[in-house]
């Protein structure tokens, strides 16, 4: 009987404890979880299961690993916020799957993404034919972002957190030299001072980092 009381107490305590931990980690939809988030949640679930399966073990043996995982998650989130390169390594970058109605076969193979998955996600967005699609991106979360010719077309970040996105610059038919030159014409001599930059309707738009505004 005493063992059941311990398990019941631990279940209620750990439930409340994990809810608090998840609140501290921040709000993200399940489909938007990054690789590191998934790893942290899996390990956390194993730690909690161990605590419930072994009531003779001290509760602190489960609390400490969860707090450590929280610290790791907050640290990696902070690094991700500060470093675009780190985000690309951990979460990856969106992959162009359809461009102007043409399926990018090579990119699909790289992502191990098959036609059945593609057509299913197109049907879920009421897209009947790939010829209706101007751009479709496979997001790091696994979701497919689709733009038809009738939609506003996607705007690519040419500079993100002070780092030139070379692939995006090439996709709009420009070069890094052109981008740097255009910014200098507008009085910006250092790309690292820019928080975000895009090319919309034939014009360059940028936002400086707070320290340089």
N, C-alpha and C. Protein backbone atom coordinates (compact mmCIF):
# COMPACT_ATOMS: atom_id res chain seq x y z
N UNK A 1 0.83 -1.21 0.00
CA UNK A 1 0.00 0.00 0.00
C UNK A 1 0.86 1.26 0.00
N UNK A 2 1.93 1.20 0.80
CA UNK A 2 2.83 2.34 0.89
C UNK A 2 3.47 2.64 -0.46
N UNK A 3 3.78 1.58 -1.22
CA UNK A 3 4.39 1.76 -2.54
C UNK A 3 3.44 2.47 -3.49
N UNK A 4 2.15 2.14 -3.42
CA UNK A 4 1.17 2.81 -4.28
C UNK A 4 1.05 4.29 -3.94
N UNK A 5 1.11 4.61 -2.64
CA UNK A 5 1.05 6.01 -2.23
C UNK A 5 2.25 6.78 -2.77
N UNK A 6 3.42 6.16 -2.73
CA UNK A 6 4.63 6.80 -3.25
C UNK A 6 4.51 7.05 -4.76
N UNK A 7 4.04 6.01 -5.47
CA UNK A 7 3.88 6.15 -6.93
C UNK A 7 2.84 7.23 -7.26
N UNK A 8 1.72 7.24 -6.50
CA UNK A 8 0.68 8.26 -6.72
C UNK A 8 1.22 9.65 -6.48
N UNK A 9 1.95 9.84 -5.38
CA UNK A 9 2.53 11.14 -5.07
C UNK A 9 3.51 11.58 -6.15
N UNK A 10 4.36 10.64 -6.55
CA UNK A 10 5.35 10.98 -7.58
C UNK A 10 4.70 11.33 -8.91
N UNK A 11 3.63 10.61 -9.24
CA UNK A 11 2.93 10.89 -10.50
C UNK A 11 2.38 12.31 -10.51
N UNK A 12 1.71 12.69 -9.42
CA UNK A 12 1.13 14.04 -9.32
C UNK A 12 2.23 15.09 -9.30
N UNK A 13 3.28 14.84 -8.50
CA UNK A 13 4.37 15.80 -8.39
C UNK A 13 5.09 16.00 -9.72
N UNK A 14 5.42 14.88 -10.38
CA UNK A 14 6.15 14.96 -11.64
C UNK A 14 5.31 15.57 -12.75
N UNK A 15 4.01 15.30 -12.69
CA UNK A 15 3.10 15.93 -13.67
C UNK A 15 3.19 17.45 -13.56
N UNK A 16 3.03 17.96 -12.34
CA UNK A 16 3.10 19.40 -12.12
C UNK A 16 4.49 19.94 -12.44
N UNK A 17 5.51 19.17 -12.07
CA UNK A 17 6.89 19.59 -12.30
C UNK A 17 7.20 19.71 -13.79
N UNK A 18 6.78 18.72 -14.58
CA UNK A 18 7.03 18.73 -16.02
C UNK A 18 6.24 19.85 -16.71
N UNK A 19 5.01 20.10 -16.24
CA UNK A 19 4.23 21.21 -16.80
C UNK A 19 4.98 22.53 -16.62
N UNK A 20 5.53 22.73 -15.42
CA UNK A 20 6.30 23.95 -15.15
C UNK A 20 7.53 24.01 -16.06
N UNK A 21 8.23 22.89 -16.19
CA UNK A 21 9.43 22.83 -17.04
C UNK A 21 9.09 23.18 -18.48
N UNK A 22 8.00 22.61 -18.99
CA UNK A 22 7.60 22.88 -20.37
C UNK A 22 7.21 24.35 -20.57
N UNK A 23 6.61 24.94 -19.54
CA UNK A 23 6.27 26.37 -19.61
C UNK A 23 7.53 27.22 -19.69
N UNK A 24 8.54 26.83 -18.93
CA UNK A 24 9.80 27.57 -18.94
C UNK A 24 10.49 27.43 -20.30
N UNK A 25 10.36 26.25 -20.91
CA UNK A 25 11.00 26.01 -22.21
C UNK A 25 10.40 26.87 -23.30
N UNK A 26 9.16 27.29 -23.15
CA UNK A 26 8.53 28.15 -24.15
C UNK A 26 7.47 27.43 -24.94
N UNK A 27 6.67 28.22 -25.67
CA UNK A 27 5.55 27.67 -26.43
C UNK A 27 5.96 27.37 -27.85
N UNK A 28 5.83 26.09 -28.23
CA UNK A 28 6.05 25.68 -29.61
C UNK A 28 5.10 24.54 -29.91
N UNK A 29 4.53 24.58 -31.12
CA UNK A 29 3.65 23.49 -31.52
C UNK A 29 4.47 22.22 -31.73
N UNK A 30 3.82 21.07 -31.54
CA UNK A 30 4.52 19.80 -31.67
C UNK A 30 5.18 19.67 -33.04
N UNK A 31 4.48 20.10 -34.09
CA UNK A 31 5.04 20.01 -35.43
C UNK A 31 6.19 20.95 -35.69
N UNK A 32 6.42 21.89 -34.80
CA UNK A 32 7.50 22.86 -34.98
C UNK A 32 8.70 22.57 -34.08
N UNK A 33 8.67 21.45 -33.37
CA UNK A 33 9.78 21.12 -32.48
C UNK A 33 11.04 20.84 -33.29
N UNK A 34 12.16 21.38 -32.80
CA UNK A 34 13.43 21.11 -33.44
C UNK A 34 13.99 19.78 -32.98
N UNK A 35 15.10 19.38 -33.61
CA UNK A 35 15.72 18.10 -33.28
C UNK A 35 16.12 18.07 -31.81
N UNK A 36 16.73 19.14 -31.32
CA UNK A 36 17.17 19.17 -29.93
C UNK A 36 16.00 19.11 -28.97
N UNK A 37 14.89 19.75 -29.33
CA UNK A 37 13.69 19.70 -28.48
C UNK A 37 13.19 18.26 -28.34
N UNK A 38 13.14 17.57 -29.47
CA UNK A 38 12.65 16.18 -29.46
C UNK A 38 13.56 15.30 -28.60
N UNK A 39 14.87 15.47 -28.74
CA UNK A 39 15.82 14.67 -27.95
C UNK A 39 15.62 14.93 -26.46
N UNK A 40 15.48 16.21 -26.09
CA UNK A 40 15.27 16.57 -24.68
C UNK A 40 13.99 15.95 -24.14
N UNK A 41 12.90 16.00 -24.91
CA UNK A 41 11.62 15.46 -24.44
C UNK A 41 11.67 13.94 -24.30
N UNK A 42 12.37 13.27 -25.22
CA UNK A 42 12.46 11.80 -25.14
C UNK A 42 13.22 11.39 -23.89
N UNK A 43 14.36 12.04 -23.64
CA UNK A 43 15.16 11.71 -22.45
C UNK A 43 14.38 12.04 -21.19
N UNK A 44 13.67 13.17 -21.21
CA UNK A 44 12.89 13.58 -20.05
C UNK A 44 11.80 12.53 -19.73
N UNK A 45 11.16 12.02 -20.77
CA UNK A 45 10.13 11.00 -20.57
C UNK A 45 10.72 9.74 -19.96
N UNK A 46 11.93 9.37 -20.41
CA UNK A 46 12.60 8.18 -19.87
C UNK A 46 12.96 8.37 -18.39
N UNK A 47 13.40 9.57 -18.05
CA UNK A 47 13.77 9.87 -16.65
C UNK A 47 12.55 9.76 -15.75
N UNK A 48 11.43 10.34 -16.20
CA UNK A 48 10.20 10.29 -15.41
C UNK A 48 9.71 8.85 -15.28
N UNK A 49 9.77 8.08 -16.36
CA UNK A 49 9.34 6.68 -16.32
C UNK A 49 10.19 5.89 -15.34
N UNK A 50 11.48 6.17 -15.30
CA UNK A 50 12.39 5.49 -14.37
C UNK A 50 11.99 5.78 -12.93
N UNK A 51 11.61 7.03 -12.67
CA UNK A 51 11.22 7.42 -11.31
C UNK A 51 9.96 6.68 -10.87
N UNK A 52 9.01 6.50 -11.79
CA UNK A 52 7.76 5.82 -11.44
C UNK A 52 7.94 4.30 -11.35
N UNK A 53 8.86 3.77 -12.14
CA UNK A 53 9.09 2.32 -12.12
C UNK A 53 9.94 1.89 -10.92
N UNK A 54 10.67 2.84 -10.34
CA UNK A 54 11.57 2.51 -9.23
C UNK A 54 11.28 3.42 -8.03
N UNK A 55 10.16 3.17 -7.33
CA UNK A 55 9.78 4.04 -6.21
C UNK A 55 10.77 4.02 -5.06
N UNK A 56 11.65 3.01 -5.04
CA UNK A 56 12.64 2.95 -3.96
C UNK A 56 13.77 3.96 -4.17
N UNK A 57 13.92 4.46 -5.42
CA UNK A 57 14.96 5.44 -5.72
C UNK A 57 14.52 6.83 -5.24
N UNK A 58 15.50 7.63 -4.84
CA UNK A 58 15.19 8.98 -4.38
C UNK A 58 14.65 9.83 -5.53
N UNK A 59 13.66 10.67 -5.20
CA UNK A 59 13.02 11.51 -6.22
C UNK A 59 14.01 12.50 -6.84
N UNK A 60 14.99 12.94 -6.05
CA UNK A 60 15.97 13.90 -6.54
C UNK A 60 16.76 13.34 -7.72
N UNK A 61 16.86 11.98 -7.79
CA UNK A 61 17.58 11.35 -8.88
C UNK A 61 16.86 11.55 -10.22
N UNK A 62 15.59 11.88 -10.16
CA UNK A 62 14.84 12.19 -11.38
C UNK A 62 14.74 13.70 -11.60
N UNK A 63 14.62 14.45 -10.53
CA UNK A 63 14.49 15.90 -10.64
C UNK A 63 15.76 16.53 -11.21
N UNK A 64 16.93 16.06 -10.72
CA UNK A 64 18.19 16.66 -11.17
C UNK A 64 18.41 16.50 -12.68
N UNK A 65 18.22 15.29 -13.28
CA UNK A 65 18.41 15.17 -14.73
C UNK A 65 17.45 16.06 -15.52
N UNK A 66 16.21 16.20 -15.05
CA UNK A 66 15.24 17.04 -15.76
C UNK A 66 15.69 18.50 -15.72
N UNK A 67 16.16 18.96 -14.56
CA UNK A 67 16.66 20.33 -14.46
C UNK A 67 17.90 20.53 -15.34
N UNK A 68 18.74 19.51 -15.41
CA UNK A 68 19.92 19.58 -16.28
C UNK A 68 19.51 19.67 -17.74
N UNK A 69 18.51 18.86 -18.12
CA UNK A 69 17.99 18.93 -19.49
C UNK A 69 17.40 20.29 -19.80
N UNK A 70 16.71 20.87 -18.81
CA UNK A 70 16.17 22.22 -18.99
C UNK A 70 17.29 23.21 -19.26
N UNK A 71 18.37 23.10 -18.48
CA UNK A 71 19.51 23.99 -18.68
C UNK A 71 20.11 23.83 -20.07
N UNK A 72 20.23 22.58 -20.53
CA UNK A 72 20.77 22.32 -21.87
C UNK A 72 19.87 22.93 -22.95
N UNK A 73 18.55 22.74 -22.77
CA UNK A 73 17.61 23.25 -23.76
C UNK A 73 17.63 24.77 -23.82
N UNK A 74 17.68 25.43 -22.65
CA UNK A 74 17.73 26.89 -22.63
C UNK A 74 19.03 27.41 -23.24
N UNK A 75 20.12 26.71 -22.97
CA UNK A 75 21.42 27.12 -23.52
C UNK A 75 21.43 27.00 -25.04
N UNK A 76 20.94 25.86 -25.56
CA UNK A 76 20.92 25.68 -27.01
C UNK A 76 19.95 26.65 -27.68
N UNK A 77 18.84 26.97 -26.98
CA UNK A 77 17.90 27.96 -27.53
C UNK A 77 18.55 29.33 -27.63
N UNK A 78 19.34 29.67 -26.63
CA UNK A 78 20.03 30.97 -26.63
C UNK A 78 21.06 31.01 -27.76
N UNK A 79 21.82 29.92 -27.92
CA UNK A 79 22.82 29.86 -28.99
C UNK A 79 22.13 29.93 -30.35
N UNK A 80 20.99 29.24 -30.49
CA UNK A 80 20.24 29.26 -31.74
C UNK A 80 19.76 30.67 -32.08
N UNK A 81 19.35 31.40 -31.06
CA UNK A 81 18.87 32.76 -31.26
C UNK A 81 19.99 33.68 -31.73
N UNK A 82 21.21 33.41 -31.26
CA UNK A 82 22.35 34.27 -31.58
C UNK A 82 23.09 33.85 -32.84
N UNK A 83 22.99 32.58 -33.21
CA UNK A 83 23.81 32.07 -34.32
C UNK A 83 22.97 31.40 -35.39
N UNK A 84 22.93 32.00 -36.57
CA UNK A 84 22.22 31.41 -37.71
C UNK A 84 22.89 30.10 -38.15
N UNK A 85 24.22 30.06 -38.08
CA UNK A 85 24.93 28.85 -38.48
C UNK A 85 24.56 27.67 -37.58
N UNK A 86 24.43 27.94 -36.29
CA UNK A 86 24.05 26.87 -35.35
C UNK A 86 22.64 26.39 -35.66
N UNK A 87 21.71 27.32 -35.96
CA UNK A 87 20.34 26.94 -36.31
C UNK A 87 20.32 26.06 -37.54
N UNK A 88 21.14 26.40 -38.54
CA UNK A 88 21.16 25.62 -39.77
C UNK A 88 21.68 24.22 -39.53
N UNK A 89 22.71 24.10 -38.65
CA UNK A 89 23.28 22.79 -38.36
C UNK A 89 22.28 21.91 -37.62
N UNK A 90 21.59 22.49 -36.64
CA UNK A 90 20.69 21.72 -35.78
C UNK A 90 19.34 21.47 -36.44
N UNK A 91 18.71 22.54 -36.93
CA UNK A 91 17.35 22.43 -37.45
C UNK A 91 17.29 22.28 -38.97
N UNK A 92 18.35 22.68 -39.66
CA UNK A 92 18.33 22.62 -41.10
C UNK A 92 17.64 23.84 -41.71
N UNK A 93 17.57 23.86 -43.03
CA UNK A 93 17.03 24.98 -43.77
C UNK A 93 15.86 24.48 -44.62
N UNK A 94 14.88 25.31 -44.94
CA UNK A 94 13.81 24.87 -45.83
C UNK A 94 14.38 24.41 -47.17
N UNK A 95 13.76 23.39 -47.74
CA UNK A 95 14.23 22.84 -49.02
C UNK A 95 13.19 23.11 -50.10
N UNK A 96 13.63 23.67 -51.22
CA UNK A 96 12.73 23.95 -52.33
C UNK A 96 12.39 22.65 -53.04
N UNK A 97 11.12 22.26 -52.97
CA UNK A 97 10.67 20.98 -53.53
C UNK A 97 10.01 21.15 -54.90
N UNK A 98 9.26 22.26 -55.07
CA UNK A 98 8.63 22.56 -56.36
C UNK A 98 8.96 24.00 -56.73
N UNK A 99 9.38 24.21 -57.96
CA UNK A 99 9.63 25.57 -58.46
C UNK A 99 9.00 25.72 -59.83
N UNK A 100 8.08 26.66 -59.96
CA UNK A 100 7.39 26.92 -61.23
C UNK A 100 6.76 25.65 -61.81
N UNK A 101 6.11 24.87 -60.92
CA UNK A 101 5.40 23.67 -61.36
C UNK A 101 6.27 22.48 -61.64
N UNK A 102 7.58 22.59 -61.39
CA UNK A 102 8.52 21.48 -61.66
C UNK A 102 9.02 20.91 -60.33
N UNK A 103 8.86 19.60 -60.15
CA UNK A 103 9.31 18.94 -58.93
C UNK A 103 10.83 18.80 -58.96
N UNK A 104 11.47 19.20 -57.89
CA UNK A 104 12.94 19.14 -57.80
C UNK A 104 13.34 17.75 -57.29
N UNK A 105 13.54 16.84 -58.24
CA UNK A 105 13.79 15.44 -57.90
C UNK A 105 15.04 15.26 -57.03
N UNK A 106 16.11 15.96 -57.36
CA UNK A 106 17.37 15.81 -56.61
C UNK A 106 17.20 16.23 -55.15
N UNK A 107 16.49 17.33 -54.94
CA UNK A 107 16.27 17.81 -53.57
C UNK A 107 15.40 16.84 -52.78
N UNK A 108 14.42 16.24 -53.46
CA UNK A 108 13.56 15.26 -52.79
C UNK A 108 14.38 14.05 -52.33
N UNK A 109 15.29 13.60 -53.18
CA UNK A 109 16.12 12.45 -52.82
C UNK A 109 17.03 12.78 -51.63
N UNK A 110 17.56 13.98 -51.61
CA UNK A 110 18.43 14.39 -50.50
C UNK A 110 17.67 14.38 -49.18
N UNK A 111 16.40 14.76 -49.23
CA UNK A 111 15.58 14.83 -48.02
C UNK A 111 14.86 13.52 -47.73
N UNK A 112 15.07 12.50 -48.58
CA UNK A 112 14.37 11.22 -48.43
C UNK A 112 12.86 11.44 -48.35
N UNK A 113 12.39 12.26 -49.28
CA UNK A 113 10.99 12.68 -49.33
C UNK A 113 10.41 12.16 -50.64
N UNK A 114 9.37 11.33 -50.57
CA UNK A 114 8.87 10.68 -51.78
C UNK A 114 7.63 11.37 -52.34
N UNK A 115 7.23 10.92 -53.53
CA UNK A 115 6.11 11.54 -54.22
C UNK A 115 4.79 11.34 -53.48
N UNK A 116 4.63 10.19 -52.84
CA UNK A 116 3.40 9.95 -52.08
C UNK A 116 3.24 10.99 -50.97
N UNK A 117 4.33 11.27 -50.25
CA UNK A 117 4.29 12.28 -49.20
C UNK A 117 3.96 13.65 -49.79
N UNK A 118 4.60 13.96 -50.91
CA UNK A 118 4.38 15.26 -51.56
C UNK A 118 2.93 15.44 -51.96
N UNK A 119 2.38 14.46 -52.67
CA UNK A 119 1.00 14.59 -53.16
C UNK A 119 -0.01 14.59 -52.01
N UNK A 120 0.28 13.85 -50.97
CA UNK A 120 -0.61 13.86 -49.80
C UNK A 120 -0.67 15.26 -49.20
N UNK A 121 0.51 15.88 -49.01
CA UNK A 121 0.53 17.21 -48.40
C UNK A 121 -0.06 18.27 -49.33
N UNK A 122 0.06 18.06 -50.64
CA UNK A 122 -0.59 18.97 -51.58
C UNK A 122 -2.11 18.84 -51.49
N UNK A 123 -2.60 17.59 -51.42
CA UNK A 123 -4.05 17.38 -51.30
C UNK A 123 -4.59 17.98 -50.01
N UNK A 124 -3.82 17.88 -48.93
CA UNK A 124 -4.26 18.43 -47.65
C UNK A 124 -4.42 19.95 -47.72
N UNK A 125 -3.76 20.57 -48.69
CA UNK A 125 -3.89 22.02 -48.87
C UNK A 125 -4.75 22.36 -50.09
N UNK A 126 -5.54 21.36 -50.53
CA UNK A 126 -6.46 21.52 -51.66
C UNK A 126 -5.75 21.96 -52.94
N UNK A 127 -4.55 21.43 -53.17
CA UNK A 127 -3.82 21.68 -54.41
C UNK A 127 -3.95 20.45 -55.28
N UNK A 128 -4.61 20.59 -56.44
CA UNK A 128 -4.89 19.43 -57.28
C UNK A 128 -3.77 19.05 -58.21
N UNK A 129 -2.90 19.99 -58.58
CA UNK A 129 -1.85 19.71 -59.55
C UNK A 129 -0.59 20.50 -59.19
N UNK A 130 0.56 19.90 -59.46
CA UNK A 130 1.82 20.61 -59.20
C UNK A 130 1.96 21.81 -60.12
N UNK A 131 1.24 21.81 -61.24
CA UNK A 131 1.34 22.94 -62.16
C UNK A 131 0.70 24.21 -61.59
N UNK A 132 -0.09 24.05 -60.53
CA UNK A 132 -0.66 25.22 -59.85
C UNK A 132 0.35 25.88 -58.91
N UNK A 133 1.45 25.16 -58.63
CA UNK A 133 2.38 25.59 -57.59
C UNK A 133 3.53 26.40 -58.18
N UNK A 134 3.74 27.59 -57.64
CA UNK A 134 4.90 28.38 -58.04
C UNK A 134 6.11 28.00 -57.21
N UNK A 135 5.90 27.86 -55.88
CA UNK A 135 6.97 27.42 -54.99
C UNK A 135 6.38 26.53 -53.90
N UNK A 136 7.11 25.49 -53.53
CA UNK A 136 6.74 24.67 -52.38
C UNK A 136 8.02 24.33 -51.63
N UNK A 137 8.01 24.63 -50.33
CA UNK A 137 9.18 24.41 -49.49
C UNK A 137 8.89 23.34 -48.45
N UNK A 138 9.80 22.40 -48.30
CA UNK A 138 9.72 21.42 -47.22
C UNK A 138 10.43 22.03 -46.02
N UNK A 139 9.66 22.35 -44.99
CA UNK A 139 10.21 23.02 -43.81
C UNK A 139 10.96 22.03 -42.93
N UNK A 140 11.87 22.54 -42.07
CA UNK A 140 12.60 21.65 -41.15
C UNK A 140 11.66 20.83 -40.26
N UNK A 141 10.45 21.35 -40.02
CA UNK A 141 9.47 20.63 -39.19
C UNK A 141 8.83 19.46 -39.93
N UNK A 142 9.02 19.40 -41.27
CA UNK A 142 8.39 18.35 -42.07
C UNK A 142 7.13 18.83 -42.76
N UNK A 143 6.66 20.04 -42.43
CA UNK A 143 5.49 20.61 -43.09
C UNK A 143 5.86 21.12 -44.48
N UNK A 144 4.88 21.14 -45.36
CA UNK A 144 5.09 21.64 -46.72
C UNK A 144 4.40 23.00 -46.86
N UNK A 145 5.19 24.02 -47.16
CA UNK A 145 4.65 25.37 -47.38
C UNK A 145 4.48 25.57 -48.88
N UNK A 146 3.23 25.79 -49.30
CA UNK A 146 2.92 25.83 -50.73
C UNK A 146 2.43 27.22 -51.13
N UNK A 147 2.96 27.72 -52.26
CA UNK A 147 2.53 28.99 -52.83
C UNK A 147 2.08 28.75 -54.26
N UNK A 148 0.83 29.12 -54.55
CA UNK A 148 0.33 29.01 -55.91
C UNK A 148 0.54 30.35 -56.60
N UNK A 149 0.30 30.36 -57.91
CA UNK A 149 0.51 31.60 -58.67
C UNK A 149 -0.44 32.70 -58.23
N UNK A 150 -1.55 32.31 -57.61
CA UNK A 150 -2.54 33.30 -57.16
C UNK A 150 -2.14 33.93 -55.82
N UNK A 151 -1.24 33.26 -55.09
CA UNK A 151 -0.83 33.76 -53.77
C UNK A 151 0.25 34.82 -53.88
N UNK A 152 0.43 35.55 -52.78
CA UNK A 152 1.62 36.38 -52.65
C UNK A 152 2.83 35.46 -52.61
N UNK A 153 3.83 35.78 -53.41
CA UNK A 153 4.98 34.89 -53.53
C UNK A 153 5.90 35.00 -52.31
N UNK A 154 6.61 33.91 -51.98
CA UNK A 154 7.45 33.92 -50.79
C UNK A 154 8.61 34.90 -50.92
N UNK A 155 8.94 35.52 -49.80
CA UNK A 155 10.06 36.45 -49.75
C UNK A 155 11.21 35.76 -49.01
N UNK A 156 12.35 35.69 -49.64
CA UNK A 156 13.50 35.02 -49.05
C UNK A 156 14.39 36.01 -48.30
N UNK A 157 14.91 35.56 -47.17
CA UNK A 157 15.84 36.39 -46.41
C UNK A 157 17.20 36.34 -47.09
N UNK A 158 17.68 37.48 -47.58
CA UNK A 158 19.00 37.53 -48.19
C UNK A 158 20.09 37.65 -47.13
N UNK A 159 19.72 38.28 -46.02
CA UNK A 159 20.63 38.38 -44.87
C UNK A 159 19.82 38.06 -43.62
N UNK A 160 20.35 37.19 -42.79
CA UNK A 160 19.69 36.83 -41.54
C UNK A 160 20.71 36.87 -40.42
N UNK A 161 20.45 37.70 -39.41
CA UNK A 161 21.36 37.84 -38.27
C UNK A 161 22.78 38.18 -38.71
N UNK A 162 22.88 39.04 -39.71
CA UNK A 162 24.20 39.49 -40.14
C UNK A 162 24.94 38.53 -41.05
N UNK A 163 24.29 37.45 -41.50
CA UNK A 163 24.93 36.46 -42.36
C UNK A 163 24.21 36.41 -43.71
N UNK A 164 24.97 36.57 -44.79
CA UNK A 164 24.39 36.51 -46.13
C UNK A 164 23.96 35.07 -46.44
N UNK A 165 22.72 34.92 -46.90
CA UNK A 165 22.19 33.62 -47.28
C UNK A 165 22.44 33.41 -48.77
N UNK A 166 23.63 32.87 -49.08
CA UNK A 166 24.10 32.78 -50.47
C UNK A 166 23.11 32.07 -51.38
N UNK A 167 22.54 30.98 -50.88
CA UNK A 167 21.60 30.20 -51.71
C UNK A 167 20.38 31.03 -52.08
N UNK A 168 19.89 31.82 -51.14
CA UNK A 168 18.73 32.67 -51.41
C UNK A 168 19.07 33.77 -52.41
N UNK A 169 20.27 34.32 -52.28
CA UNK A 169 20.70 35.37 -53.21
C UNK A 169 20.76 34.81 -54.63
N UNK A 170 21.27 33.60 -54.77
CA UNK A 170 21.35 32.97 -56.09
C UNK A 170 19.96 32.67 -56.66
N UNK A 171 19.02 32.32 -55.76
CA UNK A 171 17.68 31.97 -56.22
C UNK A 171 16.94 33.14 -56.82
N UNK A 172 17.29 34.36 -56.44
CA UNK A 172 16.63 35.53 -57.04
C UNK A 172 17.45 36.07 -58.22
N UNK A 173 18.48 35.32 -58.61
CA UNK A 173 19.27 35.70 -59.78
C UNK A 173 20.27 36.81 -59.53
N UNK A 174 20.69 36.97 -58.29
CA UNK A 174 21.65 38.02 -57.95
C UNK A 174 22.93 37.39 -57.39
N UNK A 175 23.89 38.25 -57.04
CA UNK A 175 25.15 37.79 -56.47
C UNK A 175 25.41 38.51 -55.15
N UNK A 176 26.32 37.96 -54.37
CA UNK A 176 26.68 38.60 -53.10
C UNK A 176 27.31 39.97 -53.35
N UNK A 177 28.10 40.07 -54.41
CA UNK A 177 28.72 41.35 -54.77
C UNK A 177 27.65 42.41 -55.04
N UNK A 178 26.59 41.99 -55.75
CA UNK A 178 25.49 42.92 -56.03
C UNK A 178 24.82 43.36 -54.74
N UNK A 179 24.59 42.41 -53.84
CA UNK A 179 23.92 42.71 -52.58
C UNK A 179 24.73 43.68 -51.74
N UNK A 180 26.02 43.40 -51.59
CA UNK A 180 26.90 44.27 -50.80
C UNK A 180 26.94 45.67 -51.41
N UNK A 181 26.99 45.72 -52.75
CA UNK A 181 27.02 47.02 -53.43
C UNK A 181 25.76 47.83 -53.20
N UNK A 182 24.62 47.17 -53.28
CA UNK A 182 23.34 47.84 -53.05
C UNK A 182 23.24 48.40 -51.63
N UNK A 183 23.74 47.62 -50.67
CA UNK A 183 23.69 48.07 -49.28
C UNK A 183 24.60 49.27 -49.07
N UNK A 184 25.76 49.28 -49.71
CA UNK A 184 26.67 50.41 -49.59
C UNK A 184 26.05 51.68 -50.17
N UNK A 185 25.27 51.50 -51.24
CA UNK A 185 24.57 52.65 -51.83
C UNK A 185 23.59 53.27 -50.84
N UNK A 186 23.09 52.44 -49.91
CA UNK A 186 22.14 52.93 -48.91
C UNK A 186 22.82 53.25 -47.58
N UNK A 187 24.16 53.29 -47.60
CA UNK A 187 24.90 53.71 -46.41
C UNK A 187 25.23 52.61 -45.42
N UNK A 188 25.04 51.35 -45.82
CA UNK A 188 25.36 50.23 -44.92
C UNK A 188 26.65 49.58 -45.41
N UNK A 189 27.72 49.72 -44.65
CA UNK A 189 29.03 49.22 -45.07
C UNK A 189 29.41 47.87 -44.46
N UNK A 190 28.64 47.42 -43.49
CA UNK A 190 28.96 46.15 -42.83
C UNK A 190 27.71 45.27 -42.77
N UNK A 191 27.76 44.14 -43.45
CA UNK A 191 26.62 43.22 -43.50
C UNK A 191 26.25 42.73 -42.10
N UNK A 192 27.23 42.60 -41.22
CA UNK A 192 26.98 42.08 -39.87
C UNK A 192 26.10 43.02 -39.04
N UNK A 193 25.91 44.25 -39.49
CA UNK A 193 25.05 45.20 -38.77
C UNK A 193 23.57 44.98 -39.09
N UNK A 194 23.28 44.13 -40.09
CA UNK A 194 21.90 43.94 -40.55
C UNK A 194 21.26 42.75 -39.86
N UNK A 195 20.05 42.96 -39.34
CA UNK A 195 19.29 41.90 -38.69
C UNK A 195 18.54 41.07 -39.73
N UNK A 196 17.92 41.77 -40.70
CA UNK A 196 17.14 41.08 -41.73
C UNK A 196 17.16 41.92 -43.00
N UNK A 197 17.27 41.23 -44.13
CA UNK A 197 17.26 41.92 -45.42
C UNK A 197 16.55 41.04 -46.44
N UNK A 198 15.72 41.68 -47.28
CA UNK A 198 15.01 40.95 -48.33
C UNK A 198 14.93 41.80 -49.59
N UNK A 199 14.53 41.15 -50.69
CA UNK A 199 14.38 41.84 -51.97
C UNK A 199 12.93 41.65 -52.41
N UNK A 200 12.16 42.73 -52.35
CA UNK A 200 10.73 42.65 -52.64
C UNK A 200 10.32 43.68 -53.66
N UNK A 201 9.61 43.23 -54.69
CA UNK A 201 9.08 44.11 -55.73
C UNK A 201 10.17 45.02 -56.29
N UNK A 202 11.33 44.42 -56.54
CA UNK A 202 12.42 45.16 -57.17
C UNK A 202 13.20 46.08 -56.25
N UNK A 203 12.90 46.05 -54.96
CA UNK A 203 13.60 46.93 -54.03
C UNK A 203 14.18 46.13 -52.87
N UNK A 204 15.32 46.63 -52.36
CA UNK A 204 15.98 46.01 -51.23
C UNK A 204 15.42 46.59 -49.93
N UNK A 205 15.01 45.72 -49.02
CA UNK A 205 14.49 46.16 -47.73
C UNK A 205 15.33 45.53 -46.62
N UNK A 206 15.72 46.33 -45.65
CA UNK A 206 16.54 45.78 -44.57
C UNK A 206 16.19 46.42 -43.23
N UNK A 207 16.54 45.71 -42.18
CA UNK A 207 16.35 46.20 -40.81
C UNK A 207 17.67 46.01 -40.07
N UNK A 208 18.19 47.10 -39.52
CA UNK A 208 19.45 47.03 -38.78
C UNK A 208 19.24 46.39 -37.42
N UNK A 209 20.29 45.78 -36.89
CA UNK A 209 20.24 45.27 -35.54
C UNK A 209 20.05 46.44 -34.56
N UNK A 210 19.46 46.16 -33.44
CA UNK A 210 19.11 47.20 -32.47
C UNK A 210 20.30 48.07 -32.11
N UNK A 211 21.48 47.48 -31.96
CA UNK A 211 22.68 48.23 -31.54
C UNK A 211 23.18 49.19 -32.61
N UNK A 212 22.68 49.04 -33.86
CA UNK A 212 23.18 49.88 -34.93
C UNK A 212 22.10 50.78 -35.53
N UNK A 213 20.93 50.81 -34.91
CA UNK A 213 19.84 51.67 -35.41
C UNK A 213 20.06 53.12 -34.98
